[in-house]
Amino acid sequence: MKVKITYLYGATCRFSRLLALKLREEDKVKHMVWSFFLTLAALTVWPAPLAFLAVFVIGLLKECWDFRFGSGFCFYDMTGNLIGSLFGLVLGLPLIALICRP
């Protein structure tokens, strides 16, 4: 049992380090920034769940386009989209609440 836990911990650490390295790439940063601002814009029009879904679908369609015509589908690009959208929600919801306060 201890060997399995140690192996799982090691695999998780390796994945975390790889993810951290990948998310520093210029392309992944662009995905995070675009998703952040798209989420902020979508929050001005739609409620949070719909705004998040819309931005997620836009990112997914972009990755499907890359799969068909570009460099291929990238899990790390989608992770960047997710991180950017989550930050957009975390920062955007309080701002909208302040702006829309009666």
Protein backbone atom coordinates (compact mmCIF):
# COMPACT_ATOMS: atom_id res chain seq x y z
CA MET A 1 0.00 0.00 0.00
CA LYS A 2 2.82 2.40 0.88
CA VAL A 3 4.48 1.78 -2.51
CA LYS A 4 1.27 2.70 -4.38
CA ILE A 5 0.85 5.92 -2.40
CA THR A 6 4.49 6.87 -2.96
CA TYR A 7 4.18 6.17 -6.70
CA LEU A 8 0.97 8.21 -6.94
CA TYR A 9 2.56 11.10 -5.05
CA GLY A 10 5.61 11.03 -7.34
CA ALA A 11 3.46 10.97 -10.47
CA THR A 12 1.39 13.87 -9.16
CA CYS A 13 4.51 15.92 -8.43
CA ARG A 14 5.92 15.26 -11.90
CA PHE A 15 2.62 16.27 -13.53
CA SER A 16 2.45 19.46 -11.42
CA ARG A 17 5.97 20.46 -12.45
CA LEU A 18 5.24 19.77 -16.13
CA LEU A 19 2.01 21.76 -15.95
CA ALA A 20 3.82 24.69 -14.33
CA LEU A 21 6.46 24.66 -17.08
CA LYS A 22 3.90 24.38 -19.88
CA LEU A 23 1.76 27.22 -18.53
CA ARG A 24 4.75 29.57 -18.74
CA GLU A 25 4.91 29.21 -22.53
CA GLU A 26 3.88 32.31 -24.47
CA ASP A 27 0.97 30.56 -26.20
CA LYS A 28 -0.49 29.32 -22.90
CA VAL A 29 -0.19 32.80 -21.37
CA LYS A 30 -2.13 34.17 -24.35
CA HIS A 31 -4.85 31.59 -23.72
CA MET A 32 -5.07 32.67 -20.07
CA VAL A 33 -5.17 36.39 -20.91
CA TRP A 34 -7.78 36.04 -23.67
CA SER A 35 -9.98 33.81 -21.52
CA PHE A 36 -9.69 36.25 -18.64
CA PHE A 37 -10.84 39.24 -20.69
CA LEU A 38 -13.49 37.26 -22.59
CA THR A 39 -14.91 36.13 -19.24
CA LEU A 40 -14.97 39.71 -17.95
CA ALA A 41 -16.79 40.82 -21.11
CA ALA A 42 -19.22 37.91 -20.95
CA LEU A 43 -20.02 38.69 -17.31
CA THR A 44 -21.35 42.09 -18.38
CA VAL A 45 -23.93 40.37 -20.58
CA TRP A 46 -24.72 37.00 -18.98
CA PRO A 47 -24.87 35.45 -15.52
CA ALA A 48 -21.66 33.78 -14.31
CA PRO A 49 -22.43 30.15 -15.26
CA LEU A 50 -23.45 31.11 -18.80
CA ALA A 51 -20.47 33.46 -19.20
CA PHE A 52 -18.08 30.73 -18.06
CA LEU A 53 -19.71 28.18 -20.38
CA ALA A 54 -19.59 30.55 -23.35
CA VAL A 55 -15.88 31.25 -22.90
CA PHE A 56 -15.16 27.55 -22.37
CA VAL A 57 -16.99 26.67 -25.59
CA ILE A 58 -15.09 29.37 -27.50
CA GLY A 59 -11.80 27.91 -26.26
CA LEU A 60 -12.92 24.38 -27.11
CA LEU A 61 -13.94 25.43 -30.63
CA LYS A 62 -10.55 27.11 -31.10
CA GLU A 63 -8.80 23.90 -30.05
CA CYS A 64 -11.01 21.86 -32.41
CA TRP A 65 -10.01 24.26 -35.19
CA ASP A 66 -6.34 23.70 -34.27
CA PHE A 67 -6.93 19.94 -34.29
CA ARG A 68 -8.35 20.09 -37.81
CA PHE A 69 -6.27 22.83 -39.42
CA GLY A 70 -3.48 23.84 -37.05
CA SER A 71 -0.95 22.40 -34.67
CA GLY A 72 -3.33 19.95 -32.97
CA PHE A 73 -5.53 19.86 -29.88
CA CYS A 74 -3.63 20.84 -26.75
CA PHE A 75 -4.73 19.91 -23.23
CA TYR A 76 -2.45 22.61 -21.84
CA ASP A 77 -4.15 25.29 -23.97
CA MET A 78 -7.49 24.23 -22.51
CA THR A 79 -5.96 24.34 -19.03
CA GLY A 80 -4.81 27.90 -19.74
CA ASN A 81 -8.34 28.77 -20.89
CA LEU A 82 -9.77 27.33 -17.68
CA ILE A 83 -7.32 29.22 -15.44
CA GLY A 84 -7.97 32.51 -17.26
CA SER A 85 -11.74 32.07 -17.02
CA LEU A 86 -11.59 31.20 -13.33
CA PHE A 87 -9.52 34.32 -12.59
CA GLY A 88 -12.01 36.32 -14.65
CA LEU A 89 -14.84 35.00 -12.50
CA VAL A 90 -12.98 35.57 -9.24
CA LEU A 91 -12.12 39.17 -10.11
CA GLY A 92 -15.12 40.00 -12.28
CA LEU A 93 -17.98 38.99 -10.02
CA PRO A 94 -17.04 41.34 -7.15
CA LEU A 95 -16.42 44.20 -9.62
CA ILE A 96 -19.81 43.72 -11.24
CA ALA A 97 -21.44 43.55 -7.81
CA LEU A 98 -19.83 46.90 -6.91
CA ILE A 99 -20.76 48.53 -10.19
CA CYS A 100 -24.35 47.26 -10.19
CA ARG A 101 -24.98 48.02 -6.51
CA PRO A 102 -28.08 50.22 -6.13
